[in-house]
Amino acid sequence: MSKIDARTHQELPDITGTGQPTAAATFETKALRTANASRLQKVRHPVIRQTAWLVLIWVCSVTALGMVSMGFRYLMNAAGFQS
């Protein structure tokens, strides 16, 4: 097992020559795994929530597009063009 740099997540060379990680390196690696695991668990959302956001954003974009098109229609009618 090799030592991992916490900032770059890259493997560091073994400078002790023993091939075994130091106690501090082992603790640091375990702490990183625990921190990353807890961060990943906080990020996960239920599928229903993600789908609700997708539908909400779609409805808002369609509504905005409808409002812009109605604005163009009123402008065209004001200019004398009839559909």
PDB file of N, CA and C in Angstrom:
ATOM      1  N   MET A   1       0.855  -1.173   0.000  1.00  0.00           N
ATOM      2  CA  MET A   1       0.000   0.000   0.000  1.00  0.00           C
ATOM      3  C   MET A   1       0.901   1.237   0.000  1.00  0.00           C
ATOM      4  N   SER A   2       0.626   2.157  -0.862  1.00  0.00           N
ATOM      5  CA  SER A   2       1.473   3.343  -0.962  1.00  0.00           C
ATOM      6  C   SER A   2       0.753   4.560  -0.395  1.00  0.00           C
ATOM      7  N   LYS A   3       1.526   5.574  -0.105  1.00  0.00           N
ATOM      8  CA  LYS A   3       0.997   6.801   0.471  1.00  0.00           C
ATOM      9  C   LYS A   3       0.368   7.651  -0.627  1.00  0.00           C
ATOM     10  N   ILE A   4      -0.761   8.288  -0.317  1.00  0.00           N
ATOM     11  CA  ILE A   4      -1.500   9.108  -1.274  1.00  0.00           C
ATOM     12  C   ILE A   4      -1.454  10.568  -0.820  1.00  0.00           C
ATOM     13  N   ASP A   5      -1.158  11.465  -1.740  1.00  0.00           N
ATOM     14  CA  ASP A   5      -1.160  12.892  -1.431  1.00  0.00           C
ATOM     15  C   ASP A   5      -2.603  13.370  -1.351  1.00  0.00           C
ATOM     16  N   ALA A   6      -2.990  14.018  -0.259  1.00  0.00           N
ATOM     17  CA  ALA A   6      -4.371  14.437  -0.036  1.00  0.00           C
ATOM     18  C   ALA A   6      -4.812  15.517  -1.008  1.00  0.00           C
ATOM     19  N   ARG A   7      -3.909  16.354  -1.463  1.00  0.00           N
ATOM     20  CA  ARG A   7      -4.304  17.453  -2.352  1.00  0.00           C
ATOM     21  C   ARG A   7      -4.451  17.013  -3.797  1.00  0.00           C
ATOM     22  N   THR A   8      -3.568  16.175  -4.271  1.00  0.00           N
ATOM     23  CA  THR A   8      -3.586  15.799  -5.686  1.00  0.00           C
ATOM     24  C   THR A   8      -4.126  14.404  -5.913  1.00  0.00           C
ATOM     25  N   HIS A   9      -4.339  13.629  -4.862  1.00  0.00           N
ATOM     26  CA  HIS A   9      -4.819  12.246  -4.931  1.00  0.00           C
ATOM     27  C   HIS A   9      -3.916  11.388  -5.803  1.00  0.00           C
ATOM     28  N   GLN A  10      -2.615  11.668  -5.791  1.00  0.00           N
ATOM     29  CA  GLN A  10      -1.662  10.881  -6.543  1.00  0.00           C
ATOM     30  C   GLN A  10      -0.772  10.111  -5.581  1.00  0.00           C
ATOM     31  N   GLU A  11      -0.258   9.012  -6.083  1.00  0.00           N
ATOM     32  CA  GLU A  11       0.595   8.163  -5.275  1.00  0.00           C
ATOM     33  C   GLU A  11       1.946   8.833  -5.056  1.00  0.00           C
ATOM     34  N   LEU A  12       2.418   8.818  -3.812  1.00  0.00           N
ATOM     35  CA  LEU A  12       3.714   9.388  -3.485  1.00  0.00           C
ATOM     36  C   LEU A  12       4.768   8.280  -3.469  1.00  0.00           C
ATOM     37  N   PRO A  13       6.004   8.596  -3.801  1.00  0.00           N
ATOM     38  CA  PRO A  13       7.050   7.572  -3.774  1.00  0.00           C
ATOM     39  C   PRO A  13       7.364   7.158  -2.340  1.00  0.00           C
ATOM     40  N   ASP A  14       7.789   5.917  -2.193  1.00  0.00           N
ATOM     41  CA  ASP A  14       8.161   5.389  -0.877  1.00  0.00           C
ATOM     42  C   ASP A  14       9.585   5.833  -0.567  1.00  0.00           C
ATOM     43  N   ILE A  15       9.749   6.774   0.357  1.00  0.00           N
ATOM     44  CA  ILE A  15      11.076   7.293   0.666  1.00  0.00           C
ATOM     45  C   ILE A  15      11.720   6.558   1.832  1.00  0.00           C
ATOM     46  N   THR A  16      10.940   5.726   2.537  1.00  0.00           N
ATOM     47  CA  THR A  16      11.510   4.996   3.667  1.00  0.00           C
ATOM     48  C   THR A  16      12.210   3.732   3.208  1.00  0.00           C
ATOM     49  N   GLY A  17      11.835   3.209   2.055  1.00  0.00           N
ATOM     50  CA  GLY A  17      12.449   1.997   1.538  1.00  0.00           C
ATOM     51  C   GLY A  17      11.890   0.722   2.130  1.00  0.00           C
ATOM     52  N   THR A  18      10.913   0.820   3.013  1.00  0.00           N
ATOM     53  CA  THR A  18      10.361  -0.374   3.644  1.00  0.00           C
ATOM     54  C   THR A  18       9.203  -0.954   2.842  1.00  0.00           C
ATOM     55  N   GLY A  19       8.583  -0.143   2.032  1.00  0.00           N
ATOM     56  CA  GLY A  19       7.423  -0.613   1.282  1.00  0.00           C
ATOM     57  C   GLY A  19       6.142  -0.559   2.075  1.00  0.00           C
ATOM     58  N   GLN A  20       6.242  -0.259   3.354  1.00  0.00           N
ATOM     59  CA  GLN A  20       5.066  -0.183   4.207  1.00  0.00           C
ATOM     60  C   GLN A  20       4.730   1.286   4.481  1.00  0.00           C
ATOM     61  N   PRO A  21       3.438   1.647   4.469  1.00  0.00           N
ATOM     62  CA  PRO A  21       3.079   3.035   4.774  1.00  0.00           C
ATOM     63  C   PRO A  21       3.292   3.336   6.247  1.00  0.00           C
ATOM     64  N   THR A  22       3.563   4.572   6.545  1.00  0.00           N
ATOM     65  CA  THR A  22       3.712   4.982   7.939  1.00  0.00           C
ATOM     66  C   THR A  22       2.342   5.047   8.588  1.00  0.00           C
ATOM     67  N   ALA A  23       2.310   5.138   9.895  1.00  0.00           N
ATOM     68  CA  ALA A  23       1.039   5.209  10.621  1.00  0.00           C
ATOM     69  C   ALA A  23       0.268   6.459  10.223  1.00  0.00           C
ATOM     70  N   ALA A  24       0.987   7.565  10.018  1.00  0.00           N
ATOM     71  CA  ALA A  24       0.322   8.817   9.631  1.00  0.00           C
ATOM     72  C   ALA A  24      -0.285   8.681   8.238  1.00  0.00           C
ATOM     73  N   ALA A  25       0.419   8.022   7.334  1.00  0.00           N
ATOM     74  CA  ALA A  25      -0.100   7.842   5.978  1.00  0.00           C
ATOM     75  C   ALA A  25      -1.336   6.959   5.980  1.00  0.00           C
ATOM     76  N   THR A  26      -1.320   5.898   6.799  1.00  0.00           N
ATOM     77  CA  THR A  26      -2.475   5.017   6.896  1.00  0.00           C
ATOM     78  C   THR A  26      -3.672   5.766   7.449  1.00  0.00           C
ATOM     79  N   PHE A  27      -3.464   6.540   8.496  1.00  0.00           N
ATOM     80  CA  PHE A  27      -4.547   7.319   9.088  1.00  0.00           C
ATOM     81  C   PHE A  27      -5.084   8.328   8.083  1.00  0.00           C
ATOM     82  N   GLU A  28      -4.180   9.002   7.354  1.00  0.00           N
ATOM     83  CA  GLU A  28      -4.588  10.013   6.372  1.00  0.00           C
ATOM     84  C   GLU A  28      -5.410   9.380   5.254  1.00  0.00           C
ATOM     85  N   THR A  29      -5.004   8.208   4.788  1.00  0.00           N
ATOM     86  CA  THR A  29      -5.732   7.520   3.723  1.00  0.00           C
ATOM     87  C   THR A  29      -7.115   7.110   4.200  1.00  0.00           C
ATOM     88  N   LYS A  30      -7.204   6.581   5.421  1.00  0.00           N
ATOM     89  CA  LYS A  30      -8.510   6.196   5.961  1.00  0.00           C
ATOM     90  C   LYS A  30      -9.408   7.418   6.142  1.00  0.00           C
ATOM     91  N   ALA A  31      -8.833   8.516   6.593  1.00  0.00           N
ATOM     92  CA  ALA A  31      -9.610   9.737   6.778  1.00  0.00           C
ATOM     93  C   ALA A  31     -10.126  10.250   5.431  1.00  0.00           C
ATOM     94  N   LEU A  32      -9.298  10.158   4.403  1.00  0.00           N
ATOM     95  CA  LEU A  32      -9.730  10.590   3.063  1.00  0.00           C
ATOM     96  C   LEU A  32     -10.868   9.728   2.559  1.00  0.00           C
ATOM     97  N   ARG A  33     -10.747   8.420   2.734  1.00  0.00           N
ATOM     98  CA  ARG A  33     -11.817   7.527   2.279  1.00  0.00           C
ATOM     99  C   ARG A  33     -13.118   7.824   2.998  1.00  0.00           C
ATOM    100  N   THR A  34     -13.046   8.056   4.318  1.00  0.00           N
ATOM    101  CA  THR A  34     -14.243   8.356   5.100  1.00  0.00           C
ATOM    102  C   THR A  34     -14.856   9.686   4.668  1.00  0.00           C
ATOM    103  N   ALA A  35     -14.019  10.697   4.452  1.00  0.00           N
ATOM    104  CA  ALA A  35     -14.522  12.008   4.042  1.00  0.00           C
ATOM    105  C   ALA A  35     -15.152  11.932   2.658  1.00  0.00           C
ATOM    106  N   ASN A  36     -14.518  11.219   1.731  1.00  0.00           N
ATOM    107  CA  ASN A  36     -15.069  11.094   0.385  1.00  0.00           C
ATOM    108  C   ASN A  36     -16.364  10.300   0.396  1.00  0.00           C
ATOM    109  N   ALA A  37     -16.443   9.246   1.199  1.00  0.00           N
ATOM    110  CA  ALA A  37     -17.653   8.440   1.269  1.00  0.00           C
ATOM    111  C   ALA A  37     -18.812   9.253   1.835  1.00  0.00           C
ATOM    112  N   SER A  38     -18.563  10.024   2.890  1.00  0.00           N
ATOM    113  CA  SER A  38     -19.652  10.808   3.475  1.00  0.00           C
ATOM    114  C   SER A  38     -20.081  11.919   2.524  1.00  0.00           C
ATOM    115  N   ARG A  39     -19.120  12.490   1.766  1.00  0.00           N
ATOM    116  CA  ARG A  39     -19.472  13.535   0.810  1.00  0.00           C
ATOM    117  C   ARG A  39     -20.315  12.959  -0.327  1.00  0.00           C
ATOM    118  N   LEU A  40     -20.002  11.749  -0.784  1.00  0.00           N
ATOM    119  CA  LEU A  40     -20.777  11.120  -1.849  1.00  0.00           C
ATOM    120  C   LEU A  40     -22.178  10.770  -1.378  1.00  0.00           C
ATOM    121  N   GLN A  41     -22.310  10.365  -0.124  1.00  0.00           N
ATOM    122  CA  GLN A  41     -23.626  10.027   0.395  1.00  0.00           C
ATOM    123  C   GLN A  41     -24.506  11.268   0.508  1.00  0.00           C
ATOM    124  N   LYS A  42     -23.923  12.426   0.806  1.00  0.00           N
ATOM    125  CA  LYS A  42     -24.712  13.647   0.924  1.00  0.00           C
ATOM    126  C   LYS A  42     -25.181  14.137  -0.440  1.00  0.00           C
ATOM    127  N   VAL A  43     -24.445  13.828  -1.499  1.00  0.00           N
ATOM    128  CA  VAL A  43     -24.759  14.336  -2.827  1.00  0.00           C
ATOM    129  C   VAL A  43     -25.911  13.576  -3.474  1.00  0.00           C
ATOM    130  N   ARG A  44     -26.083  12.334  -3.146  1.00  0.00           N
ATOM    131  CA  ARG A  44     -27.109  11.515  -3.797  1.00  0.00           C
ATOM    132  C   ARG A  44     -28.513  12.000  -3.438  1.00  0.00           C
ATOM    133  N   HIS A  45     -29.355  12.117  -4.471  1.00  0.00           N
ATOM    134  CA  HIS A  45     -30.737  12.534  -4.288  1.00  0.00           C
ATOM    135  C   HIS A  45     -31.651  11.453  -4.846  1.00  0.00           C
ATOM    136  N   PRO A  46     -32.853  11.365  -4.331  1.00  0.00           N
ATOM    137  CA  PRO A  46     -33.790  10.391  -4.875  1.00  0.00           C
ATOM    138  C   PRO A  46     -34.135  10.715  -6.324  1.00  0.00           C
ATOM    139  N   VAL A  47     -34.461   9.692  -7.086  1.00  0.00           N
ATOM    140  CA  VAL A  47     -34.782   9.851  -8.504  1.00  0.00           C
ATOM    141  C   VAL A  47     -36.022  10.733  -8.671  1.00  0.00           C
ATOM    142  N   ILE A  48     -36.981  10.616  -7.785  1.00  0.00           N
ATOM    143  CA  ILE A  48     -38.207  11.413  -7.903  1.00  0.00           C
ATOM    144  C   ILE A  48     -37.904  12.899  -7.782  1.00  0.00           C
ATOM    145  N   ARG A  49     -36.962  13.247  -6.920  1.00  0.00           N
ATOM    146  CA  ARG A  49     -36.594  14.657  -6.751  1.00  0.00           C
ATOM    147  C   ARG A  49     -35.903  15.200  -8.002  1.00  0.00           C
ATOM    148  N   GLN A  50     -35.017  14.401  -8.575  1.00  0.00           N
ATOM    149  CA  GLN A  50     -34.333  14.811  -9.803  1.00  0.00           C
ATOM    150  C   GLN A  50     -35.330  14.956 -10.954  1.00  0.00           C
ATOM    151  N   THR A  51     -36.277  14.042 -11.035  1.00  0.00           N
ATOM    152  CA  THR A  51     -37.291  14.107 -12.082  1.00  0.00           C
ATOM    153  C   THR A  51     -38.181  15.330 -11.889  1.00  0.00           C
ATOM    154  N   ALA A  52     -38.515  15.650 -10.651  1.00  0.00           N
ATOM    155  CA  ALA A  52     -39.338  16.832 -10.381  1.00  0.00           C
ATOM    156  C   ALA A  52     -38.619  18.103 -10.832  1.00  0.00           C
ATOM    157  N   TRP A  53     -37.312  18.200 -10.571  1.00  0.00           N
ATOM    158  CA  TRP A  53     -36.553  19.368 -11.029  1.00  0.00           C
ATOM    159  C   TRP A  53     -36.536  19.432 -12.553  1.00  0.00           C
ATOM    160  N   LEU A  54     -36.364  18.293 -13.208  1.00  0.00           N
ATOM    161  CA  LEU A  54     -36.359  18.244 -14.668  1.00  0.00           C
ATOM    162  C   LEU A  54     -37.681  18.760 -15.227  1.00  0.00           C
ATOM    163  N   VAL A  55     -38.786  18.290 -14.670  1.00  0.00           N
ATOM    164  CA  VAL A  55     -40.110  18.718 -15.131  1.00  0.00           C
ATOM    165  C   VAL A  55     -40.321  20.206 -14.853  1.00  0.00           C
ATOM    166  N   LEU A  56     -39.911  20.679 -13.690  1.00  0.00           N
ATOM    167  CA  LEU A  56     -40.068  22.090 -13.344  1.00  0.00           C
ATOM    168  C   LEU A  56     -39.298  22.991 -14.301  1.00  0.00           C
ATOM    169  N   ILE A  57     -38.056  22.625 -14.595  1.00  0.00           N
ATOM    170  CA  ILE A  57     -37.244  23.431 -15.515  1.00  0.00           C
ATOM    171  C   ILE A  57     -37.847  23.399 -16.919  1.00  0.00           C
ATOM    172  N   TRP A  58     -38.345  22.243 -17.344  1.00  0.00           N
ATOM    173  CA  TRP A  58     -38.963  22.134 -18.674  1.00  0.00           C
ATOM    174  C   TRP A  58     -40.214  23.007 -18.759  1.00  0.00           C
ATOM    175  N   VAL A  59     -41.075  22.956 -17.739  1.00  0.00           N
ATOM    176  CA  VAL A  59     -42.304  23.759 -17.737  1.00  0.00           C
ATOM    177  C   VAL A  59     -41.969  25.251 -17.759  1.00  0.00           C
ATOM    178  N   CYS A  60     -40.993  25.665 -16.990  1.00  0.00           N
ATOM    179  CA  CYS A  60     -40.591  27.075 -16.973  1.00  0.00           C
ATOM    180  C   CYS A  60     -40.037  27.509 -18.324  1.00  0.00           C
ATOM    181  N   SER A  61     -39.257  26.661 -18.972  1.00  0.00           N
ATOM    182  CA  SER A  61     -38.705  27.045 -20.274  1.00  0.00           C
ATOM    183  C   SER A  61     -39.782  27.111 -21.346  1.00  0.00           C
ATOM    184  N   VAL A  62     -40.737  26.197 -21.316  1.00  0.00           N
ATOM    185  CA  VAL A  62     -41.839  26.238 -22.285  1.00  0.00           C
ATOM    186  C   VAL A  62     -42.709  27.469 -22.040  1.00  0.00           C
ATOM    187  N   THR A  63     -42.960  27.813 -20.797  1.00  0.00           N
ATOM    188  CA  THR A  63     -43.744  29.009 -20.463  1.00  0.00           C
ATOM    189  C   THR A  63     -43.035  30.272 -20.951  1.00  0.00           C
ATOM    190  N   ALA A  64     -41.733  30.354 -20.719  1.00  0.00           N
ATOM    191  CA  ALA A  64     -40.972  31.522 -21.174  1.00  0.00           C
ATOM    192  C   ALA A  64     -40.992  31.624 -22.698  1.00  0.00           C
ATOM    193  N   LEU A  65     -40.848  30.511 -23.378  1.00  0.00           N
ATOM    194  CA  LEU A  65     -40.900  30.512 -24.842  1.00  0.00           C
ATOM    195  C   LEU A  65     -42.276  30.950 -25.333  1.00  0.00           C
ATOM    196  N   GLY A  66     -43.329  30.509 -24.673  1.00  0.00           N
ATOM    197  CA  GLY A  66     -44.684  30.924 -25.031  1.00  0.00           C
ATOM    198  C   GLY A  66     -44.893  32.415 -24.839  1.00  0.00           C
ATOM    199  N   MET A  67     -44.349  32.949 -23.749  1.00  0.00           N
ATOM    200  CA  MET A  67     -44.494  34.387 -23.503  1.00  0.00           C
ATOM    201  C   MET A  67     -43.758  35.201 -24.567  1.00  0.00           C
ATOM    202  N   VAL A  68     -42.579  34.767 -24.968  1.00  0.00           N
ATOM    203  CA  VAL A  68     -41.833  35.475 -26.010  1.00  0.00           C
ATOM    204  C   VAL A  68     -42.584  35.407 -27.332  1.00  0.00           C
ATOM    205  N   SER A  69     -43.123  34.246 -27.669  1.00  0.00           N
ATOM    206  CA  SER A  69     -43.848  34.117 -28.939  1.00  0.00           C
ATOM    207  C   SER A  69     -45.126  34.956 -28.933  1.00  0.00           C
ATOM    208  N   MET A  70     -45.814  35.018 -27.803  1.00  0.00           N
ATOM    209  CA  MET A  70     -47.020  35.866 -27.727  1.00  0.00           C
ATOM    210  C   MET A  70     -46.633  37.344 -27.862  1.00  0.00           C
ATOM    211  N   GLY A  71     -45.491  37.735 -27.296  1.00  0.00           N
ATOM    212  CA  GLY A  71     -45.022  39.112 -27.446  1.00  0.00           C
ATOM    213  C   GLY A  71     -44.764  39.453 -28.911  1.00  0.00           C
ATOM    214  N   PHE A  72     -44.118  38.527 -29.641  1.00  0.00           N
ATOM    215  CA  PHE A  72     -43.902  38.749 -31.070  1.00  0.00           C
ATOM    216  C   PHE A  72     -45.228  38.808 -31.829  1.00  0.00           C
ATOM    217  N   ARG A  73     -46.187  37.988 -31.430  1.00  0.00           N
ATOM    218  CA  ARG A  73     -47.493  37.994 -32.104  1.00  0.00           C
ATOM    219  C   ARG A  73     -48.201  39.338 -31.903  1.00  0.00           C
ATOM    220  N   TYR A  74     -48.162  39.864 -30.682  1.00  0.00           N
ATOM    221  CA  TYR A  74     -48.777  41.172 -30.427  1.00  0.00           C
ATOM    222  C   TYR A  74     -48.077  42.272 -31.212  1.00  0.00           C
ATOM    223  N   LEU A  75     -46.748  42.210 -31.299  1.00  0.00           N
ATOM    224  CA  LEU A  75     -46.015  43.199 -32.087  1.00  0.00           C
ATOM    225  C   LEU A  75     -46.383  43.119 -33.566  1.00  0.00           C
ATOM    226  N   MET A  76     -46.508  41.914 -34.088  1.00  0.00           N
ATOM    227  CA  MET A  76     -46.878  41.746 -35.490  1.00  0.00           C
ATOM    228  C   MET A  76     -48.292  42.243 -35.748  1.00  0.00           C
ATOM    229  N   ASN A  77     -49.209  41.989 -34.827  1.00  0.00           N
ATOM    230  CA  ASN A  77     -50.566  42.484 -34.977  1.00  0.00           C
ATOM    231  C   ASN A  77     -50.603  44.004 -34.907  1.00  0.00           C
ATOM    232  N   ALA A  78     -49.785  44.593 -34.041  1.00  0.00           N
ATOM    233  CA  ALA A  78     -49.726  46.044 -33.926  1.00  0.00           C
ATOM    234  C   ALA A  78     -49.162  46.664 -35.186  1.00  0.00           C
ATOM    235  N   ALA A  79     -48.287  45.949 -35.883  1.00  0.00           N
ATOM    236  CA  ALA A  79     -47.685  46.471 -37.119  1.00  0.00           C
ATOM    237  C   ALA A  79     -48.605  46.263 -38.319  1.00  0.00           C
ATOM    238  N   GLY A  80     -49.714  45.578 -38.135  1.00  0.00           N
ATOM    239  CA  GLY A  80     -50.668  45.419 -39.225  1.00  0.00           C
ATOM    240  C   GLY A  80     -50.657  44.052 -39.876  1.00  0.00           C
ATOM    241  N   PHE A  81     -49.835  43.177 -39.407  1.00  0.00           N
ATOM    242  CA  PHE A  81     -49.823  41.819 -39.956  1.00  0.00           C
ATOM    243  C   PHE A  81     -50.823  40.978 -39.188  1.00  0.00           C
ATOM    244  N   GLN A  82     -51.636  40.228 -39.909  1.00  0.00           N
ATOM    245  CA  GLN A  82     -52.631  39.362 -39.280  1.00  0.00           C
ATOM    246  C   GLN A  82     -52.323  37.907 -39.623  1.00  0.00           C
ATOM    247  N   SER A  83     -52.529  37.041 -38.667  1.00  0.00           N
ATOM    248  CA  SER A  83     -52.303  35.616 -38.944  1.00  0.00           C
ATOM    249  C   SER A  83     -53.605  34.903 -39.173  1.00  0.00           C
TER     250      SER A  83
END
